[in-house]
Structures are given as C-alpha cells and as structure tokens.
Amino acid sequence: MSTDYKSPGFKKLLDSLQQQSWELELIISGFAIFGLFTAYEPLRIGAENAQNNQQIYQFVLHLVAFIACSILLFNLLLHVILRGLWIGALGLRYVSGDIEFDKLKYSEKFKNYLKKKIVSFDRYIANLENYCSVLFAISFLLIFHVIAITLIILSIALVANFIIDNDHLPDWISNWIGIPLVLFICFGMFFAFIDFITQGILKRNKWVAKFYFPFYWVFSFLTLSFLYRPLVYNFLDNRFGKRIIFLLAPIYIIILILSGLEYRNSNYLNKDKHSSTIFANKENYMDMMTEDEDYPGEAVIPSKVITTSYLQIFMPYSENIEDRIFAFEKSLKPEEDRRGLASNNIRFSTNWSDKITSERQKDSIRKHYLAIFNETHFFKIDSLRMDSDFIITTDNKNHLGFETFLNLSMLNEGQHQLRIMRKRREKDSIVELIQESIPFWYFKD
C-alpha cells in the first residue's frame, strides 16, 4: 500500500490514523520521557568524564547525545502538558459545551474583547490540537538538526586530521584536496545556515540557486537531510509550523542562559577554588570524591586527615603531562604522534616512522618515560623536600595515572602543606614550579 500513496484508500487510512494520532503521541512521549530521564544523568556524567580525560571524540558523542536528550525532554514534557490540557478541554466541552459570554454578565467592553480574543471554545481546542501535533513532530526534527551540525563539525575535523595533517600523504594532496575540502565545507555550512534562517532565500533567485545547488546537494548527504527533508518543507509551507519554530528558538536561548545562573552568597568565598594554604578542594581527596562525575585534580591524597605513617599520592594522566615530558626530554618525542582516534580491531597504518614495534622496545621507552616523570616531579611537605618514586597504575575508578607513597614518620602532628613541584626547561635553565598545593592534617594512630 505504501507504493500506492495516491489511491483513495491510502488517503482514507492516513485520515483515520491522523484522527487517532494523539494516542500514539502520548504512548511514545511516555516511554520516551521515562527513557530520557534514565539516560540524562549518565550522559551528563559521561560528557564530563570524557572532557576531564581529554577524550575529544567521546566528549563530542556524549555532548551531542546529552543536548539531544535535553531538547527531547523539554519538548516532550511540554507536549504531554499541552496534550493533557487538550484532553481536559475536551472533557469540559462534553459537560459545558461552548462558552456563552452573555451568561457571564460582563460589560460590553470586556465581552467584546473576550469574544474577539477567544472567539469560541472549539477554536481553543483546535489550536491546542495544532500546537500538540506540531510540537511532537518538531521535537524529533530538532534532533536531526543537532546531528547535522555535529556531522559538519566532525567532517571539518576529520579532513583536517586525516588529509591536511597526515604525514603519509603527499603535500599536493594535503594542499590541493584537503584545504579546498575544508573551505567547501565551511562555505557550505555558512550558505546552509543563511538559507535555513531565511527559509530558503538562496533557492528563490535563478542564478543564486544554480551556485548554491552543489553545496545543497553535498550537504543533503553530509547532514543526512534526505531522511527528514519532507518534514522540513512541510513545516516551511505552513504558517503555524513556522510560528512554533520561531517561538521555540528564544525559549531555548532563555533556558540556556538561565541554566548558567547561580546565586553568589559571598563576596570573597568560592567553593570551586583550587586547593591552597587556605582552601581544600574535594578534587584532591579520594574519600570526598563520592559521585560518579567527580574527577581527581592534578594530585590526590586519601583524605584531609592522615593517620598512617605514609602518604599515598595519585596523579591522573593527561595529554598535558606527556607534552611536558616531550618538552623536557626531546628524545622521547616520537616522529609520529600516535595519540588520537584508534581501533583495537583495525590497524589503519603499519608504517611507523620511528620503528618502535617490539614489546621490548616499548618497555624500554616506558621506563625512560617514567624516569623523566620522576626526574621532573618532587614534593615539599612544608619546607621538607622529598623526591618522587612514581609507578604507573590506575585508581579505583580506573583512571590511568602515577602513584607513589611518602614516608611521614618524621612529621609532627598537626596541619601540613603538601606541594607537588614540577621542573620545566626555559631556554638553557630549569625552573621549579608549584603544580599543586594540598593541605592535610597528620595525627598518628
């Protein structure tokens, strides 16, 4: 029957389904809202953890899913509220019928005003029906727009990484194919945005349309718009649908602004400050990081109060640490940086220019890597200096990092300040910096 969409029988079926669509809308909305509430917090935590771990691809995926989840939650909750109001209006109409303004005994001024604004109760029900149907459809259309924007940004990043910055490709491919591709995507993104907000102005002029068509054709595949294009044009040729779109846009902006507001109850105190001699941030204490989204700071110790004769210190790995090691010891820097997107199942390239392939070679490099890390880091507890002896490990949340233990037997009981020091090369000299400063109290058992 789907191929015979012009037949009277198929149109009759669609008209029948159209009358009963509100039931399907409520069922889908109910299941979707339950699933979205379940996924909302894990997606937010996943985005924060990916950002803290500097995993850009996972961060983008989690962020897009989180934005899509937030849009759907807001729209579907609003849809359920309006649909509930519509059902209530239908029930009231069955009991009370239409509005009889004469029975209200208002003055002529108010009666005429209300008749002009409300017109009839049936019109109010019809408007609610239109709002609910359009809002339900536009909720899923907006998700496709979020995905489209993400795919465009990812396309630029992939072309830049795998064509322009690919050392295995000849320069003429990088310069004459990679750069024009990036420019084409950037200009196409700009033209598509102008065409979208003006509702098709680039398609109206004959000569402009000819120039714009190649961009439009490529972007229809790049943004997957061929999947939802009929929905878009059905909105654009409907005045009511366009009104809903223009109404939702400022609402999203207002919600975004309001979500960033917070009340400040002090002129000087802030709970998000880094640890120092006068402040202790929970990101530096293992026993205080109880939430899934809690991520360790530059260095972590077990607790504010240490009762053992040793102090455990964990420093989570980040790409910045590796960059600092390369800057300090240039012999460790590989000719080809292997960091980035990789697959455990497929090897994209076997041409390692630095020829580090065997496990023995890798272990030797890792030992040198760890030796440089230990050489560039040391500690001070108050004024007492202690050298580091880190090993590579993971913490209880599976964060990769460096761990060591310091002997505290010579310390007096009371408050102390742990400073993690780092060495850095500056021209021909080596300078020492305070990387992290953590207060703690030491009391013997």
Protein backbone atom coordinates (compact mmCIF):
# COMPACT_ATOMS: atom_id res chain seq x y z
CA MET A 1 0.00 0.00 0.00
CA SER A 2 2.93 2.34 0.59
CA THR A 3 3.68 2.40 -3.16
CA ASP A 4 0.08 3.37 -3.99
CA TYR A 5 0.09 6.54 -1.91
CA LYS A 6 -2.25 8.38 -4.35
CA SER A 7 -5.09 5.90 -4.00
CA PRO A 8 -8.28 6.98 -2.14
CA GLY A 9 -7.95 4.00 0.20
CA PHE A 10 -4.49 5.05 1.36
CA LYS A 11 -5.60 8.66 1.89
CA LYS A 12 -8.57 7.39 3.90
CA LEU A 13 -6.23 5.31 6.05
CA LEU A 14 -4.00 8.33 6.68
CA ASP A 15 -7.01 10.47 7.61
CA SER A 16 -8.11 7.78 10.08
CA LEU A 17 -4.64 7.49 11.61
CA GLN A 18 -4.44 11.29 11.78
CA GLN A 19 -7.57 11.39 13.96
CA GLN A 20 -6.12 8.82 16.37
CA SER A 21 -2.52 10.14 16.38
CA TRP A 22 -2.88 11.73 19.83
CA GLU A 23 -2.99 8.27 21.43
CA LEU A 24 0.25 7.27 19.72
CA GLU A 25 1.81 10.60 20.67
CA LEU A 26 1.06 10.08 24.37
CA ILE A 27 2.30 6.48 24.36
CA ILE A 28 5.55 7.41 22.59
CA SER A 29 6.02 10.50 24.77
CA GLY A 30 5.53 8.50 27.98
CA PHE A 31 8.06 5.81 27.07
CA ALA A 32 10.48 8.40 25.64
CA ILE A 33 10.34 10.63 28.74
CA PHE A 34 11.00 7.64 31.02
CA GLY A 35 13.98 6.55 28.89
CA LEU A 36 15.33 10.09 28.58
CA PHE A 37 15.20 10.68 32.34
CA THR A 38 17.08 7.40 32.79
CA ALA A 39 19.76 8.39 30.25
CA TYR A 40 20.07 12.08 31.19
CA GLU A 41 22.42 11.77 34.15
CA PRO A 42 24.70 9.05 32.66
CA LEU A 43 25.11 11.15 29.50
CA ARG A 44 26.00 14.26 31.52
CA ILE A 45 28.49 12.31 33.63
CA GLY A 46 29.94 10.65 30.52
CA ALA A 47 30.49 14.05 28.87
CA GLU A 48 32.21 15.44 31.98
CA ASN A 49 34.43 12.38 32.37
CA ALA A 50 35.38 12.41 28.68
CA GLN A 51 36.24 16.11 28.96
CA ASN A 52 38.34 15.50 32.09
CA ASN A 53 40.11 12.59 30.39
CA GLN A 54 40.67 14.75 27.28
CA GLN A 55 38.93 12.16 25.08
CA ILE A 56 37.62 14.56 22.47
CA TYR A 57 35.69 12.04 20.37
CA GLN A 58 33.88 10.50 23.33
CA PHE A 59 33.19 14.00 24.64
CA VAL A 60 31.58 15.06 21.34
CA LEU A 61 29.42 11.91 21.19
CA HIS A 62 28.27 12.27 24.82
CA LEU A 63 27.70 16.02 24.43
CA VAL A 64 25.57 15.60 21.29
CA ALA A 65 23.55 12.82 22.95
CA PHE A 66 23.12 14.99 26.06
CA ILE A 67 21.94 18.01 24.03
CA ALA A 68 19.53 15.82 22.05
CA CYS A 69 18.25 14.28 25.30
CA SER A 70 17.71 17.73 26.85
CA ILE A 71 15.80 19.03 23.80
CA LEU A 72 13.59 15.96 23.64
CA LEU A 73 12.88 16.05 27.38
CA PHE A 74 11.80 19.70 27.29
CA ASN A 75 9.69 19.33 24.15
CA LEU A 76 8.02 16.06 25.15
CA LEU A 77 7.23 17.26 28.68
CA LEU A 78 5.69 20.41 27.17
CA HIS A 79 3.82 18.21 24.68
CA VAL A 80 2.39 15.98 27.46
CA ILE A 81 1.27 19.07 29.43
CA LEU A 82 -0.45 20.61 26.39
CA ARG A 83 -1.97 17.28 25.37
CA GLY A 84 -3.29 16.84 28.92
CA LEU A 85 -4.78 20.33 28.72
CA TRP A 86 -6.37 19.37 25.38
CA ILE A 87 -7.92 16.22 26.86
CA GLY A 88 -9.22 18.26 29.80
CA ALA A 89 -10.72 20.80 27.40
CA LEU A 90 -12.48 18.02 25.50
CA GLY A 91 -13.96 16.69 28.74
CA LEU A 92 -15.12 20.16 29.75
CA ARG A 93 -16.70 20.69 26.33
CA TYR A 94 -18.70 17.47 26.80
CA VAL A 95 -20.07 18.80 30.12
CA SER A 96 -20.41 22.52 29.40
CA GLY A 97 -20.45 22.94 25.61
CA ASP A 98 -19.26 26.23 24.15
CA ILE A 99 -18.63 29.46 26.06
CA GLU A 100 -21.81 31.55 26.50
CA PHE A 101 -20.48 35.07 27.04
CA ASP A 102 -23.95 36.53 27.67
CA LYS A 103 -24.37 34.41 30.82
CA LEU A 104 -21.22 35.96 32.32
CA LYS A 105 -22.98 39.36 32.50
CA TYR A 106 -19.76 41.28 31.78
CA SER A 107 -19.74 44.83 30.48
CA GLU A 108 -19.81 45.31 26.71
CA LYS A 109 -16.14 46.33 26.66
CA PHE A 110 -14.94 43.07 28.29
CA LYS A 111 -17.49 40.91 26.48
CA ASN A 112 -16.44 42.21 23.06
CA TYR A 113 -12.77 41.90 23.94
CA LEU A 114 -13.13 38.28 25.10
CA LYS A 115 -15.23 37.34 22.08
CA LYS A 116 -12.54 38.79 19.83
CA LYS A 117 -9.68 37.01 21.60
CA ILE A 118 -11.28 33.65 22.39
CA VAL A 119 -13.90 33.51 19.60
CA SER A 120 -15.09 30.04 20.69
CA PHE A 121 -14.13 27.11 22.89
CA ASP A 122 -13.94 24.84 19.85
CA ARG A 123 -11.33 27.14 18.31
CA TYR A 124 -9.32 26.93 21.53
CA ILE A 125 -9.42 23.11 21.38
CA ALA A 126 -8.41 23.17 17.71
CA ASN A 127 -5.43 25.44 18.46
CA LEU A 128 -4.31 23.15 21.29
CA GLU A 129 -4.51 20.19 18.92
CA ASN A 130 -2.37 22.02 16.37
CA TYR A 131 0.24 23.01 18.96
CA CYS A 132 0.49 19.45 20.28
CA SER A 133 0.84 17.84 16.85
CA VAL A 134 3.40 20.34 15.58
CA LEU A 135 5.41 20.28 18.81
CA PHE A 136 5.60 16.48 18.76
CA ALA A 137 6.85 16.46 15.17
CA ILE A 138 9.34 19.29 15.64
CA SER A 139 10.88 17.58 18.70
CA PHE A 140 12.41 14.84 16.57
CA LEU A 141 13.22 17.23 13.71
CA LEU A 142 15.38 19.29 16.08
CA ILE A 143 17.38 16.18 16.98
CA PHE A 144 18.26 15.72 13.32
CA HIS A 145 19.41 19.35 13.19
CA VAL A 146 21.70 18.75 16.20
CA ILE A 147 23.11 15.65 14.50
CA ALA A 148 23.58 17.62 11.26
CA ILE A 149 25.60 20.36 12.98
CA THR A 150 27.73 17.72 14.70
CA LEU A 151 28.40 15.87 11.43
CA ILE A 152 29.54 19.09 9.75
CA ILE A 153 31.97 19.92 12.56
CA LEU A 154 33.26 16.33 12.60
CA SER A 155 33.74 16.45 8.82
CA ILE A 156 35.97 19.51 9.15
CA ALA A 157 37.95 17.84 11.96
CA LEU A 158 38.35 14.56 10.02
CA VAL A 159 39.52 16.30 6.84
CA ALA A 160 41.99 18.38 8.85
CA ASN A 161 43.36 15.35 10.76
CA PHE A 162 43.39 12.65 8.09
CA ILE A 163 44.17 14.68 4.96
CA ILE A 164 45.75 18.05 5.77
CA ASP A 165 47.83 16.89 8.79
CA ASN A 166 48.51 13.37 7.51
CA ASP A 167 52.27 12.96 7.11
CA HIS A 168 51.80 9.82 4.96
CA LEU A 169 50.06 11.75 2.17
CA PRO A 170 51.94 13.84 -0.41
CA ASP A 171 51.87 17.59 0.10
CA TRP A 172 49.91 18.14 -3.12
CA ILE A 173 47.01 16.05 -1.74
CA SER A 174 47.03 17.94 1.56
CA ASN A 175 47.22 21.34 -0.11
CA TRP A 176 45.10 20.83 -3.25
CA ILE A 177 42.47 18.44 -1.91
CA GLY A 178 42.38 18.84 1.90
CA ILE A 179 42.32 22.65 2.05
CA PRO A 180 39.67 23.07 -0.73
CA LEU A 181 37.53 20.42 1.02
CA VAL A 182 37.66 22.33 4.32
CA LEU A 183 36.85 25.60 2.54
CA PHE A 184 33.96 23.94 0.68
CA ILE A 185 32.51 22.59 3.95
CA CYS A 186 32.95 25.94 5.74
CA PHE A 187 31.32 27.96 2.94
CA GLY A 188 28.62 25.32 2.55
CA MET A 189 27.88 25.48 6.27
CA PHE A 190 27.56 29.27 6.06
CA PHE A 191 25.28 29.15 2.99
CA ALA A 192 23.12 26.39 4.51
CA PHE A 193 22.73 28.42 7.70
CA ILE A 194 21.70 31.55 5.76
CA ASP A 195 19.27 29.51 3.68
CA PHE A 196 17.83 27.90 6.82
CA ILE A 197 17.20 31.05 8.87
CA THR A 198 15.77 32.90 5.83
CA GLN A 199 13.60 29.88 4.97
CA GLY A 200 15.04 29.27 1.52
CA ILE A 201 16.12 32.67 0.21
CA LEU A 202 19.06 31.12 -1.70
CA LYS A 203 16.66 28.85 -3.62
CA ARG A 204 14.48 31.65 -4.98
CA ASN A 205 16.80 33.53 -7.34
CA LYS A 206 17.59 31.62 -10.54
CA TRP A 207 21.35 32.40 -10.66
CA VAL A 208 21.95 32.18 -6.92
CA ALA A 209 20.14 28.82 -6.86
CA LYS A 210 22.49 27.44 -9.55
CA PHE A 211 25.51 28.49 -7.48
CA TYR A 212 24.03 27.14 -4.23
CA PHE A 213 22.78 23.80 -5.60
CA PRO A 214 26.17 21.92 -5.42
CA PHE A 215 26.51 22.90 -1.77
CA TYR A 216 22.90 21.91 -1.12
CA TRP A 217 23.34 18.53 -2.82
CA VAL A 218 26.52 17.63 -0.91
CA PHE A 219 25.13 18.82 2.41
CA SER A 220 21.95 16.79 1.93
CA PHE A 221 24.14 13.69 2.34
CA LEU A 222 26.59 15.19 4.82
CA THR A 223 23.79 16.23 7.21
CA LEU A 224 21.51 13.25 6.45
CA SER A 225 18.80 15.74 5.46
CA PHE A 226 17.45 13.32 2.84
CA LEU A 227 15.94 11.41 5.80
CA TYR A 228 13.87 14.32 7.11
CA ARG A 229 13.63 16.77 4.18
CA PRO A 230 9.85 16.26 3.62
CA LEU A 231 9.26 17.11 7.28
CA VAL A 232 11.23 20.36 6.93
CA TYR A 233 9.37 21.58 3.85
CA ASN A 234 6.04 20.62 5.37
CA PHE A 235 6.88 22.95 8.24
CA LEU A 236 8.07 25.74 5.97
CA ASP A 237 4.89 25.82 3.85
CA ASN A 238 2.75 26.04 6.99
CA ARG A 239 2.45 29.38 8.75
CA PHE A 240 1.51 27.77 12.05
CA GLY A 241 4.56 25.47 11.97
CA LYS A 242 6.93 28.36 11.27
CA ARG A 243 5.41 30.26 14.18
CA ILE A 244 6.19 27.36 16.54
CA ILE A 245 9.80 27.21 15.31
CA PHE A 246 10.34 30.93 15.89
CA LEU A 247 8.70 30.63 19.31
CA LEU A 248 10.89 27.74 20.48
CA ALA A 249 14.22 29.31 19.42
CA PRO A 250 14.17 32.17 22.01
CA ILE A 251 12.84 29.74 24.65
CA TYR A 252 15.91 27.52 24.18
CA ILE A 253 18.19 30.57 24.41
CA ILE A 254 16.47 31.73 27.61
CA ILE A 255 16.75 28.23 29.15
CA LEU A 256 20.45 28.12 28.20
CA ILE A 257 21.05 31.48 29.88
CA LEU A 258 19.04 30.57 32.99
CA SER A 259 20.85 27.24 33.37
CA GLY A 260 24.14 29.14 33.77
CA LEU A 261 22.84 31.42 36.53
CA GLU A 262 23.79 30.85 40.14
CA TYR A 263 23.35 32.77 43.37
CA ARG A 264 26.52 34.11 45.00
CA ASN A 265 26.21 34.42 48.77
CA SER A 266 29.74 35.73 49.43
CA ASN A 267 31.93 38.46 48.00
CA TYR A 268 35.14 36.51 48.58
CA LEU A 269 34.44 32.80 49.15
CA ASN A 270 34.04 30.35 46.29
CA LYS A 271 33.66 26.58 46.66
CA ASP A 272 35.30 25.86 43.28
CA LYS A 273 38.72 27.33 44.07
CA HIS A 274 41.84 25.16 43.76
CA SER A 275 43.41 23.81 46.92
CA SER A 276 45.92 26.10 48.63
CA THR A 277 47.12 27.03 52.12
CA ILE A 278 43.64 28.42 52.92
CA PHE A 279 41.34 26.25 50.82
CA ALA A 280 40.80 22.50 50.41
CA ASN A 281 39.02 21.35 47.24
CA LYS A 282 37.40 17.90 47.30
CA GLU A 283 39.05 17.01 43.95
CA ASN A 284 42.29 16.49 45.91
CA TYR A 285 40.90 13.97 48.43
CA MET A 286 39.91 10.42 47.44
CA ASP A 287 37.36 9.91 50.22
CA MET A 288 35.45 13.05 49.18
CA MET A 289 35.04 12.09 45.52
CA THR A 290 31.91 10.00 46.02
CA GLU A 291 29.90 10.99 42.93
CA ASP A 292 30.32 9.38 39.52
CA GLU A 293 31.13 12.74 37.92
CA ASP A 294 33.87 13.60 40.46
CA TYR A 295 37.26 13.67 38.74
CA PRO A 296 40.63 13.95 40.51
CA GLY A 297 42.61 17.16 40.32
CA GLU A 298 46.30 17.45 39.47
CA ALA A 299 47.10 15.28 42.50
CA VAL A 300 45.03 13.33 45.04
CA ILE A 301 45.69 12.10 48.58
CA PRO A 302 43.47 9.68 50.58
CA SER A 303 41.91 12.19 52.99
CA LYS A 304 42.27 15.53 54.74
CA VAL A 305 43.25 13.63 57.90
CA ILE A 306 46.15 11.16 57.54
CA THR A 307 46.58 8.68 60.39
CA THR A 308 49.10 6.31 58.77
CA SER A 309 52.88 6.74 58.72
CA TYR A 310 52.80 7.10 54.93
CA LEU A 311 51.01 9.37 52.43
CA GLN A 312 49.60 7.96 49.19
CA ILE A 313 49.70 10.35 46.22
CA PHE A 314 47.97 9.74 42.88
CA MET A 315 48.42 11.99 39.83
CA PRO A 316 45.98 11.28 36.96
CA TYR A 317 47.46 11.10 33.47
CA SER A 318 46.61 13.77 30.90
CA GLU A 319 47.97 14.64 27.48
CA ASN A 320 49.43 17.80 29.01
CA ILE A 321 51.73 15.62 31.15
CA GLU A 322 53.03 13.86 28.06
CA ASP A 323 53.56 17.17 26.26
CA ARG A 324 55.60 18.43 29.25
CA ILE A 325 57.72 15.27 29.23
CA PHE A 326 58.40 15.71 25.50
CA ALA A 327 59.36 19.35 26.11
CA PHE A 328 61.75 18.32 28.89
CA GLU A 329 63.21 15.26 27.13
CA LYS A 330 63.01 15.71 23.37
CA SER A 331 64.40 12.23 22.66
CA LEU A 332 61.13 10.73 23.91
CA LYS A 333 59.02 12.59 21.38
CA PRO A 334 58.12 10.19 18.52
CA GLU A 335 58.45 11.24 14.92
CA GLU A 336 54.77 10.37 14.53
CA ASP A 337 52.35 11.16 17.32
CA ARG A 338 50.11 8.11 17.81
CA ARG A 339 47.64 9.86 20.09
CA GLY A 340 44.11 10.27 18.76
CA LEU A 341 41.37 8.06 17.38
CA ALA A 342 42.39 4.41 17.13
CA SER A 343 40.79 0.99 16.75
CA ASN A 344 41.59 -2.22 18.60
CA ASN A 345 40.21 -4.27 15.71
CA ILE A 346 41.54 -2.45 12.63
CA ARG A 347 45.03 -1.10 12.10
CA PHE A 348 44.86 1.97 9.89
CA SER A 349 48.59 2.14 9.26
CA THR A 350 51.64 -0.04 9.89
CA ASN A 351 54.23 2.43 8.68
CA TRP A 352 55.78 3.58 11.97
CA SER A 353 58.45 6.05 11.05
CA ASP A 354 60.14 5.73 14.46
CA LYS A 355 60.35 1.88 14.09
CA ILE A 356 59.16 1.20 17.66
CA THR A 357 57.33 -2.08 17.15
CA SER A 358 58.52 -4.77 19.62
CA GLU A 359 57.35 -5.04 23.24
CA ARG A 360 60.96 -4.86 24.45
CA GLN A 361 61.42 -1.50 22.70
CA LYS A 362 58.15 -0.21 24.13
CA ASP A 363 59.04 -1.33 27.67
CA SER A 364 62.40 0.39 27.40
CA ILE A 365 60.71 3.61 26.26
CA ARG A 366 58.14 3.36 29.07
CA LYS A 367 60.91 3.02 31.69
CA HIS A 368 62.66 6.08 30.29
CA TYR A 369 59.31 7.90 30.18
CA LEU A 370 58.65 7.11 33.86
CA ALA A 371 62.22 8.07 34.82
CA ILE A 372 61.77 11.50 33.24
CA PHE A 373 58.42 11.91 35.01
CA ASN A 374 60.12 11.15 38.34
CA GLU A 375 63.00 13.45 37.49
CA THR A 376 60.66 16.35 36.73
CA HIS A 377 58.48 15.93 39.85
CA PHE A 378 59.28 16.12 43.55
CA PHE A 379 57.47 17.10 46.75
CA LYS A 380 57.68 19.53 49.59
CA ILE A 381 55.86 18.98 52.86
CA ASP A 382 56.10 22.38 54.48
CA SER A 383 59.84 23.06 53.94
CA LEU A 384 60.94 19.40 53.80
CA ARG A 385 61.87 18.23 50.30
CA MET A 386 61.16 14.64 49.15
CA ASP A 387 61.98 13.02 45.82
CA SER A 388 59.29 11.14 43.90
CA ASP A 389 59.25 7.43 43.09
CA PHE A 390 56.13 7.05 40.96
CA ILE A 391 54.85 3.95 39.22
CA ILE A 392 52.16 3.78 36.54
CA THR A 393 48.79 2.45 37.74
CA THR A 394 45.03 3.08 37.82
CA ASP A 395 42.87 4.28 40.71
CA ASN A 396 39.61 2.74 41.98
CA LYS A 397 37.67 4.47 39.16
CA ASN A 398 40.07 3.10 36.51
CA HIS A 399 41.75 6.46 35.84
CA LEU A 400 45.26 5.98 34.43
CA GLY A 401 47.94 7.82 36.36
CA PHE A 402 51.06 7.84 38.52
CA GLU A 403 51.19 6.74 42.15
CA THR A 404 53.74 6.98 44.94
CA PHE A 405 53.95 6.85 48.77
CA LEU A 406 55.80 9.28 51.05
CA ASN A 407 57.21 8.49 54.49
CA LEU A 408 55.60 10.71 57.17
CA SER A 409 57.33 9.26 60.24
CA MET A 410 59.47 12.36 60.70
CA LEU A 411 56.50 14.78 60.71
CA ASN A 412 54.98 16.32 63.82
CA GLU A 413 51.27 16.02 64.38
CA GLY A 414 49.10 18.85 63.12
CA GLN A 415 48.42 20.71 59.89
CA HIS A 416 50.86 20.44 56.97
CA GLN A 417 51.02 21.61 53.38
CA LEU A 418 51.89 19.20 50.56
CA ARG A 419 53.30 20.86 47.45
CA ILE A 420 53.78 18.94 44.21
CA MET A 421 56.69 20.57 42.42
CA ARG A 422 57.48 20.31 38.73
CA LYS A 423 60.64 21.13 36.76
CA ARG A 424 60.41 22.88 33.42
CA ARG A 425 63.03 23.86 30.85
CA GLU A 426 63.19 27.53 29.97
CA LYS A 427 65.87 28.13 27.33
CA ASP A 428 69.11 26.88 28.94
CA SER A 429 67.87 26.74 32.52
CA ILE A 430 65.49 24.60 34.57
CA VAL A 431 62.89 26.30 36.75
CA GLU A 432 60.78 24.76 39.54
CA LEU A 433 57.03 25.38 39.69
CA ILE A 434 54.32 24.54 42.23
CA GLN A 435 51.91 22.31 40.33
CA GLU A 436 49.52 21.60 43.20
CA SER A 437 49.27 22.60 46.84
CA ILE A 438 47.18 20.41 49.18
CA PRO A 439 46.58 20.97 52.92
CA PHE A 440 46.24 17.96 55.23
CA TRP A 441 46.34 17.06 58.94
CA TYR A 442 48.61 14.34 60.28
CA PHE A 443 47.70 12.51 63.51
CA LYS A 444 49.35 9.22 64.46
CA ASP A 445 47.17 6.26 65.36
